[in-house]
Amino acid sequence: MNKIFEGLKIGFAMTGSFCTFEKCFEQAEILKSMGAELIPIMSENASGISTRFGSADDNVKKLSEICEKKVIKSIADAEPIGPKNMTDIMVVAPCTSNTASKLAGSITDTAVTMAVKSHLRSGKPVLLAIASNDSLLGSAKNIGELFNRKNYYFVPMLQDDCTKKPASLVSEFSMLPQAVSAALKGIQLRPIIYHRSD
């Protein structure tokens, strides 16, 4: 694997879209194999809730093993990220519409929102990998707000099932490394939202 991210410090933050965890773990492994140092962060829900997609303990353990670091799981532990210059870019994958809405409103009440806020103090890029069933309903205005917010970038996303879930948007997680490279250059990959024609 090409070590194009050698020396890059990536905050890898996960929120509670549990059905996409496996895809996000895979991307974390890819970023690591490309030379990046990953700082693992999980929201309290992501690290504390067991679902049919896996137990909380197993999810925390897996992310910790991939990143070879203890997972940051509290506001107190996330606060030093900015002051200590721990990250060059912050990736939130998956990013729920709940978390996106909090970021749009500058609400800091989870380890992930604190990590983003702390990271942003130096004007560094934040890359969001949206995964939500209501992205095109009540959460659309908040995601739209972040489209126009400086330092925020998005992994391109698609309507994963526009018939059964017409308001759902899920990031194309396989594009995450490419989106990291673009965000570091101040570029938003486009189209941001698309529909796959199979």
N, C-alpha and C. Protein backbone atom coordinates (compact mmCIF):
# COMPACT_ATOMS: atom_id res chain seq x y z
N MET A 1 0.84 -1.20 0.00
CA MET A 1 0.00 0.00 0.00
C MET A 1 0.88 1.25 0.00
N ASN A 2 0.55 2.20 -0.85
CA ASN A 2 1.27 3.46 -0.93
C ASN A 2 1.12 4.25 0.36
N LYS A 3 2.25 4.64 0.97
CA LYS A 3 2.23 5.35 2.26
C LYS A 3 2.05 6.86 2.06
N ILE A 4 1.02 7.24 1.34
CA ILE A 4 0.85 8.67 1.02
C ILE A 4 0.45 9.50 2.23
N PHE A 5 -0.02 8.85 3.30
CA PHE A 5 -0.39 9.58 4.51
C PHE A 5 0.65 9.44 5.62
N GLU A 6 1.87 9.09 5.25
CA GLU A 6 2.94 8.95 6.24
C GLU A 6 3.11 10.25 7.02
N GLY A 7 3.03 10.15 8.35
CA GLY A 7 3.19 11.32 9.22
C GLY A 7 1.92 12.10 9.46
N LEU A 8 0.83 11.75 8.79
CA LEU A 8 -0.43 12.47 8.96
C LEU A 8 -1.17 11.96 10.19
N LYS A 9 -1.64 12.89 11.02
CA LYS A 9 -2.38 12.53 12.23
C LYS A 9 -3.87 12.74 11.98
N ILE A 10 -4.60 11.64 11.93
CA ILE A 10 -6.04 11.67 11.63
C ILE A 10 -6.83 11.32 12.88
N GLY A 11 -7.70 12.23 13.30
CA GLY A 11 -8.68 11.88 14.32
C GLY A 11 -9.76 11.05 13.65
N PHE A 12 -9.98 9.83 14.14
CA PHE A 12 -10.99 8.96 13.53
C PHE A 12 -12.12 8.78 14.53
N ALA A 13 -13.20 9.52 14.32
CA ALA A 13 -14.30 9.58 15.28
C ALA A 13 -15.52 8.84 14.75
N MET A 14 -16.13 8.03 15.61
CA MET A 14 -17.29 7.23 15.21
C MET A 14 -18.50 7.61 16.06
N THR A 15 -19.64 7.78 15.38
CA THR A 15 -20.91 8.01 16.08
C THR A 15 -21.86 6.86 15.74
N GLY A 16 -23.10 6.93 16.25
CA GLY A 16 -23.93 5.75 16.35
C GLY A 16 -24.72 5.23 15.17
N SER A 17 -24.16 5.28 13.97
CA SER A 17 -24.79 4.57 12.85
C SER A 17 -24.21 3.16 12.82
N PHE A 18 -24.72 2.31 13.69
CA PHE A 18 -24.10 1.01 13.95
C PHE A 18 -24.04 0.10 12.73
N CYS A 19 -25.00 0.23 11.84
CA CYS A 19 -25.04 -0.65 10.66
C CYS A 19 -23.90 -0.37 9.69
N THR A 20 -23.21 0.77 9.85
CA THR A 20 -22.10 1.09 8.96
C THR A 20 -20.73 0.91 9.63
N PHE A 21 -20.71 0.41 10.84
CA PHE A 21 -19.45 0.28 11.58
C PHE A 21 -18.41 -0.56 10.83
N GLU A 22 -18.84 -1.69 10.27
CA GLU A 22 -17.87 -2.56 9.60
C GLU A 22 -17.18 -1.85 8.44
N LYS A 23 -17.94 -1.07 7.68
CA LYS A 23 -17.35 -0.32 6.57
C LYS A 23 -16.37 0.73 7.09
N CYS A 24 -16.70 1.34 8.22
CA CYS A 24 -15.82 2.36 8.79
C CYS A 24 -14.56 1.75 9.37
N PHE A 25 -14.69 0.59 10.01
CA PHE A 25 -13.50 -0.11 10.50
C PHE A 25 -12.57 -0.44 9.33
N GLU A 26 -13.16 -0.87 8.23
CA GLU A 26 -12.36 -1.20 7.04
C GLU A 26 -11.60 0.02 6.55
N GLN A 27 -12.26 1.18 6.54
CA GLN A 27 -11.58 2.39 6.07
C GLN A 27 -10.50 2.84 7.05
N ALA A 28 -10.74 2.65 8.33
CA ALA A 28 -9.70 2.96 9.32
C ALA A 28 -8.46 2.11 9.05
N GLU A 29 -8.66 0.85 8.75
CA GLU A 29 -7.53 -0.04 8.45
C GLU A 29 -6.78 0.41 7.20
N ILE A 30 -7.53 0.87 6.21
CA ILE A 30 -6.91 1.34 4.97
C ILE A 30 -6.09 2.60 5.23
N LEU A 31 -6.66 3.55 5.97
CA LEU A 31 -5.93 4.78 6.29
C LEU A 31 -4.65 4.46 7.06
N LYS A 32 -4.74 3.52 7.99
CA LYS A 32 -3.58 3.10 8.76
C LYS A 32 -2.52 2.49 7.84
N SER A 33 -2.95 1.66 6.90
CA SER A 33 -2.02 1.02 5.98
C SER A 33 -1.37 2.01 5.03
N MET A 34 -2.00 3.18 4.88
CA MET A 34 -1.45 4.23 4.02
C MET A 34 -0.50 5.14 4.78
N GLY A 35 -0.20 4.77 6.03
CA GLY A 35 0.81 5.49 6.80
C GLY A 35 0.30 6.45 7.83
N ALA A 36 -1.01 6.65 7.91
CA ALA A 36 -1.56 7.62 8.85
C ALA A 36 -1.49 7.13 10.29
N GLU A 37 -1.32 8.05 11.20
CA GLU A 37 -1.48 7.78 12.63
C GLU A 37 -2.93 8.12 12.98
N LEU A 38 -3.67 7.15 13.51
CA LEU A 38 -5.08 7.36 13.82
C LEU A 38 -5.28 7.56 15.31
N ILE A 39 -6.02 8.62 15.66
CA ILE A 39 -6.41 8.88 17.03
C ILE A 39 -7.88 8.49 17.15
N PRO A 40 -8.21 7.38 17.82
CA PRO A 40 -9.58 6.88 17.84
C PRO A 40 -10.46 7.60 18.85
N ILE A 41 -11.67 7.94 18.40
CA ILE A 41 -12.64 8.64 19.24
C ILE A 41 -14.01 8.00 18.99
N MET A 42 -14.80 7.80 20.03
CA MET A 42 -16.16 7.30 19.87
C MET A 42 -17.09 8.11 20.74
N SER A 43 -18.28 8.41 20.21
CA SER A 43 -19.29 9.05 21.04
C SER A 43 -19.71 8.09 22.15
N GLU A 44 -20.32 8.64 23.17
CA GLU A 44 -20.75 7.81 24.29
C GLU A 44 -21.73 6.74 23.83
N ASN A 45 -22.62 7.05 22.89
CA ASN A 45 -23.55 6.05 22.37
C ASN A 45 -22.82 5.00 21.54
N ALA A 46 -21.89 5.45 20.68
CA ALA A 46 -21.16 4.51 19.83
C ALA A 46 -20.35 3.52 20.66
N SER A 47 -19.80 4.00 21.77
CA SER A 47 -18.95 3.13 22.59
C SER A 47 -19.71 2.38 23.67
N GLY A 48 -20.98 2.76 23.90
CA GLY A 48 -21.70 2.20 25.04
C GLY A 48 -22.92 1.37 24.73
N ILE A 49 -23.35 1.33 23.47
CA ILE A 49 -24.57 0.61 23.12
C ILE A 49 -24.24 -0.64 22.32
N SER A 50 -24.76 -1.77 22.76
CA SER A 50 -24.65 -3.02 22.00
C SER A 50 -25.89 -3.18 21.13
N THR A 51 -25.70 -3.60 19.89
CA THR A 51 -26.80 -3.78 18.95
C THR A 51 -26.63 -5.11 18.24
N ARG A 52 -27.54 -5.39 17.32
CA ARG A 52 -27.43 -6.62 16.53
C ARG A 52 -26.21 -6.59 15.62
N PHE A 53 -25.58 -5.42 15.48
CA PHE A 53 -24.40 -5.29 14.63
C PHE A 53 -23.10 -5.48 15.42
N GLY A 54 -23.23 -5.74 16.73
CA GLY A 54 -22.04 -6.00 17.53
C GLY A 54 -22.16 -5.43 18.93
N SER A 55 -21.36 -5.97 19.83
CA SER A 55 -21.40 -5.48 21.21
C SER A 55 -20.55 -4.23 21.34
N ALA A 56 -20.91 -3.41 22.34
CA ALA A 56 -20.18 -2.17 22.58
C ALA A 56 -18.70 -2.46 22.86
N ASP A 57 -18.45 -3.44 23.72
CA ASP A 57 -17.07 -3.76 24.08
C ASP A 57 -16.26 -4.21 22.87
N ASP A 58 -16.87 -5.02 22.01
CA ASP A 58 -16.17 -5.50 20.83
C ASP A 58 -15.85 -4.36 19.87
N ASN A 59 -16.80 -3.42 19.72
CA ASN A 59 -16.58 -2.28 18.82
C ASN A 59 -15.43 -1.40 19.32
N VAL A 60 -15.42 -1.12 20.62
CA VAL A 60 -14.34 -0.31 21.18
C VAL A 60 -13.00 -1.03 21.02
N LYS A 61 -13.00 -2.31 21.29
CA LYS A 61 -11.77 -3.10 21.18
C LYS A 61 -11.25 -3.11 19.75
N LYS A 62 -12.15 -3.26 18.80
CA LYS A 62 -11.73 -3.34 17.40
C LYS A 62 -11.10 -2.03 16.95
N LEU A 63 -11.75 -0.89 17.28
CA LEU A 63 -11.19 0.40 16.87
C LEU A 63 -9.84 0.64 17.55
N SER A 64 -9.74 0.27 18.82
CA SER A 64 -8.49 0.43 19.55
C SER A 64 -7.37 -0.40 18.92
N GLU A 65 -7.69 -1.61 18.52
CA GLU A 65 -6.68 -2.49 17.90
C GLU A 65 -6.23 -1.96 16.55
N ILE A 66 -7.18 -1.45 15.77
CA ILE A 66 -6.81 -0.90 14.46
C ILE A 66 -5.87 0.29 14.62
N CYS A 67 -6.23 1.18 15.55
CA CYS A 67 -5.48 2.43 15.72
C CYS A 67 -4.26 2.27 16.61
N GLU A 68 -4.21 1.14 17.34
CA GLU A 68 -3.13 0.87 18.29
C GLU A 68 -3.03 1.94 19.36
N LYS A 69 -4.22 2.42 19.78
CA LYS A 69 -4.31 3.43 20.83
C LYS A 69 -5.61 3.21 21.61
N LYS A 70 -5.63 3.71 22.83
CA LYS A 70 -6.85 3.70 23.63
C LYS A 70 -7.87 4.65 23.02
N VAL A 71 -9.13 4.22 22.97
CA VAL A 71 -10.19 5.02 22.38
C VAL A 71 -10.59 6.15 23.33
N ILE A 72 -10.68 7.36 22.79
CA ILE A 72 -11.19 8.51 23.54
C ILE A 72 -12.70 8.41 23.57
N LYS A 73 -13.29 8.38 24.77
CA LYS A 73 -14.73 8.15 24.90
C LYS A 73 -15.43 9.18 25.78
N SER A 74 -14.77 10.24 26.15
CA SER A 74 -15.39 11.24 27.03
C SER A 74 -15.03 12.64 26.58
N ILE A 75 -15.86 13.60 26.98
CA ILE A 75 -15.61 15.00 26.66
C ILE A 75 -14.28 15.45 27.26
N ALA A 76 -14.03 15.04 28.49
CA ALA A 76 -12.80 15.45 29.16
C ALA A 76 -11.56 14.97 28.42
N ASP A 77 -11.60 13.75 27.92
CA ASP A 77 -10.44 13.20 27.21
C ASP A 77 -10.30 13.77 25.80
N ALA A 78 -11.41 14.25 25.22
CA ALA A 78 -11.37 14.82 23.87
C ALA A 78 -10.92 16.27 23.85
N GLU A 79 -11.11 16.98 24.95
CA GLU A 79 -10.82 18.42 25.00
C GLU A 79 -9.38 18.78 24.64
N PRO A 80 -8.37 18.00 25.03
CA PRO A 80 -6.98 18.38 24.72
C PRO A 80 -6.56 18.22 23.26
N ILE A 81 -7.42 17.67 22.42
CA ILE A 81 -7.03 17.37 21.04
C ILE A 81 -6.50 18.62 20.33
N GLY A 82 -7.21 19.73 20.44
CA GLY A 82 -6.76 20.96 19.80
C GLY A 82 -5.56 21.58 20.48
N PRO A 83 -5.63 21.83 21.79
CA PRO A 83 -4.49 22.45 22.48
C PRO A 83 -3.18 21.67 22.34
N LYS A 84 -3.27 20.34 22.27
CA LYS A 84 -2.06 19.51 22.15
C LYS A 84 -1.70 19.20 20.70
N ASN A 85 -2.44 19.80 19.75
CA ASN A 85 -2.14 19.62 18.32
C ASN A 85 -2.06 18.14 17.94
N MET A 86 -3.08 17.38 18.38
CA MET A 86 -3.05 15.94 18.20
C MET A 86 -3.49 15.48 16.81
N THR A 87 -4.14 16.36 16.04
CA THR A 87 -4.72 15.94 14.76
C THR A 87 -4.46 16.97 13.66
N ASP A 88 -4.25 16.45 12.44
CA ASP A 88 -4.14 17.31 11.25
C ASP A 88 -5.47 17.42 10.54
N ILE A 89 -6.27 16.37 10.63
CA ILE A 89 -7.62 16.35 10.06
C ILE A 89 -8.48 15.48 10.96
N MET A 90 -9.74 15.85 11.09
CA MET A 90 -10.69 15.07 11.88
C MET A 90 -11.69 14.43 10.93
N VAL A 91 -11.77 13.10 10.99
CA VAL A 91 -12.73 12.34 10.20
C VAL A 91 -13.81 11.83 11.14
N VAL A 92 -15.07 12.09 10.81
CA VAL A 92 -16.19 11.54 11.58
C VAL A 92 -16.88 10.52 10.68
N ALA A 93 -16.67 9.24 10.99
CA ALA A 93 -17.17 8.16 10.13
C ALA A 93 -17.54 6.95 10.98
N PRO A 94 -18.82 6.66 11.09
CA PRO A 94 -19.93 7.36 10.47
C PRO A 94 -20.32 8.60 11.26
N CYS A 95 -20.93 9.55 10.55
CA CYS A 95 -21.47 10.74 11.18
C CYS A 95 -22.99 10.71 11.06
N THR A 96 -23.67 10.56 12.17
CA THR A 96 -25.13 10.56 12.16
C THR A 96 -25.66 11.97 11.90
N SER A 97 -26.90 12.06 11.46
CA SER A 97 -27.50 13.38 11.28
C SER A 97 -27.66 14.09 12.63
N ASN A 98 -27.79 13.31 13.70
CA ASN A 98 -27.86 13.89 15.04
C ASN A 98 -26.56 14.64 15.35
N THR A 99 -25.43 13.99 15.07
CA THR A 99 -24.13 14.64 15.31
C THR A 99 -23.94 15.82 14.36
N ALA A 100 -24.30 15.67 13.10
CA ALA A 100 -24.18 16.78 12.15
C ALA A 100 -25.00 17.97 12.61
N SER A 101 -26.20 17.71 13.13
CA SER A 101 -27.06 18.79 13.62
C SER A 101 -26.42 19.50 14.80
N LYS A 102 -25.80 18.73 15.69
CA LYS A 102 -25.11 19.35 16.83
C LYS A 102 -23.94 20.20 16.36
N LEU A 103 -23.18 19.71 15.39
CA LEU A 103 -22.06 20.48 14.88
C LEU A 103 -22.54 21.77 14.22
N ALA A 104 -23.67 21.70 13.51
CA ALA A 104 -24.22 22.90 12.87
C ALA A 104 -24.64 23.93 13.91
N GLY A 105 -25.09 23.45 15.07
CA GLY A 105 -25.53 24.34 16.14
C GLY A 105 -24.45 24.63 17.17
N SER A 106 -23.23 24.19 16.91
CA SER A 106 -22.10 24.37 17.85
C SER A 106 -22.41 23.81 19.23
N ILE A 107 -23.09 22.68 19.25
CA ILE A 107 -23.41 22.00 20.51
C ILE A 107 -22.30 21.00 20.81
N THR A 108 -21.77 21.07 22.02
CA THR A 108 -20.66 20.20 22.41
C THR A 108 -21.08 19.38 23.62
N ASP A 109 -21.66 18.21 23.37
CA ASP A 109 -22.15 17.40 24.48
C ASP A 109 -21.79 15.93 24.36
N THR A 110 -20.86 15.60 23.45
CA THR A 110 -20.35 14.23 23.33
C THR A 110 -18.83 14.29 23.12
N ALA A 111 -18.20 13.16 23.25
CA ALA A 111 -16.76 13.10 22.99
C ALA A 111 -16.44 13.51 21.56
N VAL A 112 -17.30 13.13 20.62
CA VAL A 112 -17.03 13.45 19.21
C VAL A 112 -17.23 14.93 18.91
N THR A 113 -18.32 15.52 19.40
CA THR A 113 -18.52 16.95 19.14
C THR A 113 -17.44 17.78 19.82
N MET A 114 -16.99 17.36 20.98
CA MET A 114 -15.88 18.06 21.62
C MET A 114 -14.59 17.89 20.82
N ALA A 115 -14.35 16.68 20.31
CA ALA A 115 -13.15 16.44 19.50
C ALA A 115 -13.13 17.35 18.28
N VAL A 116 -14.28 17.47 17.61
CA VAL A 116 -14.36 18.34 16.44
C VAL A 116 -14.15 19.80 16.83
N LYS A 117 -14.83 20.24 17.88
CA LYS A 117 -14.68 21.63 18.32
C LYS A 117 -13.24 21.93 18.68
N SER A 118 -12.61 21.06 19.42
CA SER A 118 -11.23 21.28 19.85
C SER A 118 -10.29 21.31 18.64
N HIS A 119 -10.50 20.40 17.71
CA HIS A 119 -9.69 20.32 16.49
C HIS A 119 -9.85 21.59 15.66
N LEU A 120 -11.06 22.13 15.58
CA LEU A 120 -11.35 23.28 14.73
C LEU A 120 -10.72 24.58 15.22
N ARG A 121 -10.28 24.63 16.46
CA ARG A 121 -9.72 25.87 16.99
C ARG A 121 -8.54 26.38 16.17
N SER A 122 -7.87 25.46 15.45
CA SER A 122 -6.72 25.85 14.63
C SER A 122 -7.08 25.96 13.15
N GLY A 123 -8.37 25.86 12.83
CA GLY A 123 -8.81 26.02 11.45
C GLY A 123 -8.46 24.87 10.55
N LYS A 124 -8.35 23.68 11.12
CA LYS A 124 -8.00 22.50 10.33
C LYS A 124 -9.25 21.82 9.79
N PRO A 125 -9.12 21.00 8.74
CA PRO A 125 -10.30 20.41 8.10
C PRO A 125 -10.97 19.30 8.91
N VAL A 126 -12.29 19.26 8.75
CA VAL A 126 -13.13 18.21 9.32
C VAL A 126 -13.85 17.53 8.17
N LEU A 127 -13.75 16.21 8.11
CA LEU A 127 -14.38 15.44 7.04
C LEU A 127 -15.49 14.58 7.63
N LEU A 128 -16.71 14.79 7.13
CA LEU A 128 -17.86 14.06 7.64
C LEU A 128 -18.30 12.98 6.65
N ALA A 129 -18.51 11.78 7.16
CA ALA A 129 -19.04 10.67 6.37
C ALA A 129 -20.46 10.39 6.88
N ILE A 130 -21.42 11.07 6.28
CA ILE A 130 -22.81 11.02 6.73
C ILE A 130 -23.41 9.64 6.53
N ALA A 131 -24.20 9.19 7.50
CA ALA A 131 -24.99 7.96 7.39
C ALA A 131 -26.25 8.16 8.22
N SER A 132 -27.37 8.40 7.54
CA SER A 132 -28.60 8.72 8.27
C SER A 132 -29.83 8.48 7.42
N ASN A 133 -30.88 8.01 8.07
CA ASN A 133 -32.15 7.76 7.37
C ASN A 133 -32.99 9.01 7.17
N ASP A 134 -32.63 10.12 7.85
CA ASP A 134 -33.45 11.33 7.68
C ASP A 134 -32.65 12.53 7.20
N SER A 135 -31.58 12.26 6.46
CA SER A 135 -30.72 13.34 5.96
C SER A 135 -31.47 14.32 5.06
N LEU A 136 -32.49 13.83 4.37
CA LEU A 136 -33.24 14.70 3.45
C LEU A 136 -34.58 15.12 4.03
N LEU A 137 -34.75 14.93 5.33
CA LEU A 137 -35.96 15.41 6.02
C LEU A 137 -35.57 16.47 7.03
N GLY A 138 -35.83 16.23 8.29
CA GLY A 138 -35.59 17.24 9.32
C GLY A 138 -34.14 17.64 9.46
N SER A 139 -33.22 16.74 9.11
CA SER A 139 -31.80 17.04 9.27
C SER A 139 -31.20 17.75 8.07
N ALA A 140 -31.96 17.89 6.99
CA ALA A 140 -31.42 18.46 5.76
C ALA A 140 -30.90 19.88 5.97
N LYS A 141 -31.62 20.68 6.74
CA LYS A 141 -31.19 22.08 6.93
C LYS A 141 -29.87 22.15 7.69
N ASN A 142 -29.66 21.22 8.61
CA ASN A 142 -28.42 21.23 9.39
C ASN A 142 -27.23 20.77 8.56
N ILE A 143 -27.44 19.73 7.77
CA ILE A 143 -26.38 19.28 6.87
C ILE A 143 -26.07 20.37 5.85
N GLY A 144 -27.13 21.03 5.35
CA GLY A 144 -26.94 22.14 4.42
C GLY A 144 -26.15 23.28 5.03
N GLU A 145 -26.38 23.54 6.30
CA GLU A 145 -25.61 24.57 7.01
C GLU A 145 -24.12 24.23 6.99
N LEU A 146 -23.79 22.96 7.19
CA LEU A 146 -22.39 22.55 7.21
C LEU A 146 -21.76 22.59 5.82
N PHE A 147 -22.58 22.42 4.77
CA PHE A 147 -22.06 22.56 3.41
C PHE A 147 -21.42 23.93 3.22
N ASN A 148 -21.97 24.93 3.88
CA ASN A 148 -21.52 26.30 3.72
C ASN A 148 -20.59 26.77 4.84
N ARG A 149 -20.22 25.87 5.73
CA ARG A 149 -19.37 26.22 6.87
C ARG A 149 -17.90 25.98 6.52
N LYS A 150 -17.07 26.96 6.79
CA LYS A 150 -15.64 26.84 6.52
C LYS A 150 -15.05 25.66 7.28
N ASN A 151 -14.13 24.96 6.64
CA ASN A 151 -13.37 23.84 7.21
C ASN A 151 -14.12 22.52 7.25
N TYR A 152 -15.39 22.48 6.83
CA TYR A 152 -16.14 21.23 6.78
C TYR A 152 -16.15 20.68 5.35
N TYR A 153 -15.89 19.38 5.25
CA TYR A 153 -15.92 18.67 3.98
C TYR A 153 -16.70 17.38 4.16
N PHE A 154 -17.16 16.82 3.04
CA PHE A 154 -18.00 15.63 3.09
C PHE A 154 -17.47 14.53 2.17
N VAL A 155 -17.54 13.31 2.67
CA VAL A 155 -17.36 12.16 1.79
C VAL A 155 -18.59 12.10 0.89
N PRO A 156 -18.43 12.00 -0.43
CA PRO A 156 -19.60 11.92 -1.30
C PRO A 156 -20.58 10.85 -0.83
N MET A 157 -21.87 11.16 -0.95
CA MET A 157 -22.89 10.27 -0.44
C MET A 157 -23.96 10.00 -1.48
N LEU A 158 -24.69 8.91 -1.27
CA LEU A 158 -25.72 8.52 -2.22
C LEU A 158 -27.00 8.14 -1.50
N GLN A 159 -28.08 8.19 -2.24
CA GLN A 159 -29.35 7.66 -1.74
C GLN A 159 -29.26 6.15 -1.88
N ASP A 160 -29.12 5.47 -0.75
CA ASP A 160 -28.85 4.04 -0.78
C ASP A 160 -30.08 3.21 -1.14
N ASP A 161 -31.28 3.74 -0.88
CA ASP A 161 -32.51 3.05 -1.26
C ASP A 161 -33.60 4.10 -1.38
N CYS A 162 -33.64 4.78 -2.52
CA CYS A 162 -34.53 5.94 -2.68
C CYS A 162 -36.00 5.54 -2.75
N THR A 163 -36.29 4.25 -2.89
CA THR A 163 -37.69 3.81 -2.90
C THR A 163 -38.19 3.52 -1.49
N LYS A 164 -37.46 2.69 -0.75
CA LYS A 164 -37.90 2.31 0.59
C LYS A 164 -37.48 3.32 1.65
N LYS A 165 -36.38 4.05 1.39
CA LYS A 165 -35.89 5.05 2.35
C LYS A 165 -35.57 6.34 1.60
N PRO A 166 -36.59 7.06 1.16
CA PRO A 166 -36.39 8.21 0.28
C PRO A 166 -35.61 9.37 0.90
N ALA A 167 -35.49 9.42 2.21
CA ALA A 167 -34.77 10.52 2.85
C ALA A 167 -33.38 10.12 3.32
N SER A 168 -32.97 8.89 3.03
CA SER A 168 -31.71 8.36 3.54
C SER A 168 -30.53 8.75 2.64
N LEU A 169 -29.43 9.10 3.30
CA LEU A 169 -28.16 9.32 2.61
C LEU A 169 -27.07 8.55 3.34
N VAL A 170 -26.24 7.86 2.60
CA VAL A 170 -25.12 7.12 3.18
C VAL A 170 -23.87 7.43 2.37
N SER A 171 -22.80 7.75 3.07
CA SER A 171 -21.55 8.05 2.39
C SER A 171 -21.02 6.85 1.62
N GLU A 172 -20.33 7.13 0.55
CA GLU A 172 -19.62 6.08 -0.18
C GLU A 172 -18.28 5.91 0.54
N PHE A 173 -18.28 5.05 1.55
CA PHE A 173 -17.14 4.95 2.46
C PHE A 173 -15.84 4.60 1.75
N SER A 174 -15.93 3.90 0.62
CA SER A 174 -14.72 3.54 -0.12
C SER A 174 -13.98 4.77 -0.65
N MET A 175 -14.66 5.92 -0.68
CA MET A 175 -14.05 7.15 -1.16
C MET A 175 -13.39 7.95 -0.03
N LEU A 176 -13.39 7.40 1.18
CA LEU A 176 -12.88 8.16 2.32
C LEU A 176 -11.42 8.58 2.16
N PRO A 177 -10.50 7.69 1.78
CA PRO A 177 -9.11 8.14 1.59
C PRO A 177 -8.97 9.25 0.56
N GLN A 178 -9.71 9.13 -0.53
CA GLN A 178 -9.68 10.16 -1.56
C GLN A 178 -10.22 11.48 -1.01
N ALA A 179 -11.27 11.40 -0.20
CA ALA A 179 -11.86 12.61 0.40
C ALA A 179 -10.92 13.25 1.41
N VAL A 180 -10.15 12.43 2.13
CA VAL A 180 -9.15 12.97 3.06
C VAL A 180 -8.11 13.77 2.28
N SER A 181 -7.60 13.20 1.21
CA SER A 181 -6.60 13.89 0.39
C SER A 181 -7.13 15.22 -0.13
N ALA A 182 -8.38 15.21 -0.60
CA ALA A 182 -8.97 16.43 -1.13
C ALA A 182 -9.17 17.48 -0.05
N ALA A 183 -9.70 17.07 1.11
CA ALA A 183 -9.95 18.02 2.19
C ALA A 183 -8.68 18.68 2.68
N LEU A 184 -7.59 17.93 2.71
CA LEU A 184 -6.30 18.50 3.13
C LEU A 184 -5.83 19.59 2.17
N LYS A 185 -6.34 19.55 0.94
CA LYS A 185 -6.01 20.57 -0.06
C LYS A 185 -7.09 21.65 -0.15
N GLY A 186 -8.11 21.56 0.73
CA GLY A 186 -9.20 22.53 0.70
C GLY A 186 -10.19 22.29 -0.41
N ILE A 187 -10.29 21.05 -0.88
CA ILE A 187 -11.17 20.71 -2.00
C ILE A 187 -12.30 19.80 -1.52
N GLN A 188 -13.53 20.09 -1.95
CA GLN A 188 -14.68 19.23 -1.72
C GLN A 188 -14.91 18.36 -2.95
N LEU A 189 -14.85 17.04 -2.78
CA LEU A 189 -15.15 16.14 -3.90
C LEU A 189 -16.60 16.34 -4.34
N ARG A 190 -16.83 16.27 -5.65
CA ARG A 190 -18.18 16.42 -6.20
C ARG A 190 -18.42 15.35 -7.26
N PRO A 191 -19.69 14.96 -7.44
CA PRO A 191 -20.87 15.47 -6.75
C PRO A 191 -20.89 15.04 -5.28
N ILE A 192 -21.44 15.90 -4.44
CA ILE A 192 -21.53 15.57 -3.02
C ILE A 192 -22.62 14.52 -2.80
N ILE A 193 -23.73 14.66 -3.50
CA ILE A 193 -24.84 13.71 -3.40
C ILE A 193 -25.16 13.20 -4.80
N TYR A 194 -25.27 11.90 -4.93
CA TYR A 194 -25.58 11.35 -6.24
C TYR A 194 -26.45 10.11 -6.09
N HIS A 195 -26.99 9.65 -7.18
CA HIS A 195 -27.79 8.41 -7.18
C HIS A 195 -27.11 7.42 -8.09
N ARG A 196 -26.81 6.26 -7.56
CA ARG A 196 -26.15 5.22 -8.35
C ARG A 196 -27.16 4.55 -9.26
N SER A 197 -26.84 4.47 -10.52
CA SER A 197 -27.71 3.78 -11.48
C SER A 197 -27.10 2.43 -11.77
N ASP A 198 -27.73 1.37 -11.26
CA ASP A 198 -27.21 0.01 -11.44
C ASP A 198 -27.81 -0.64 -12.68
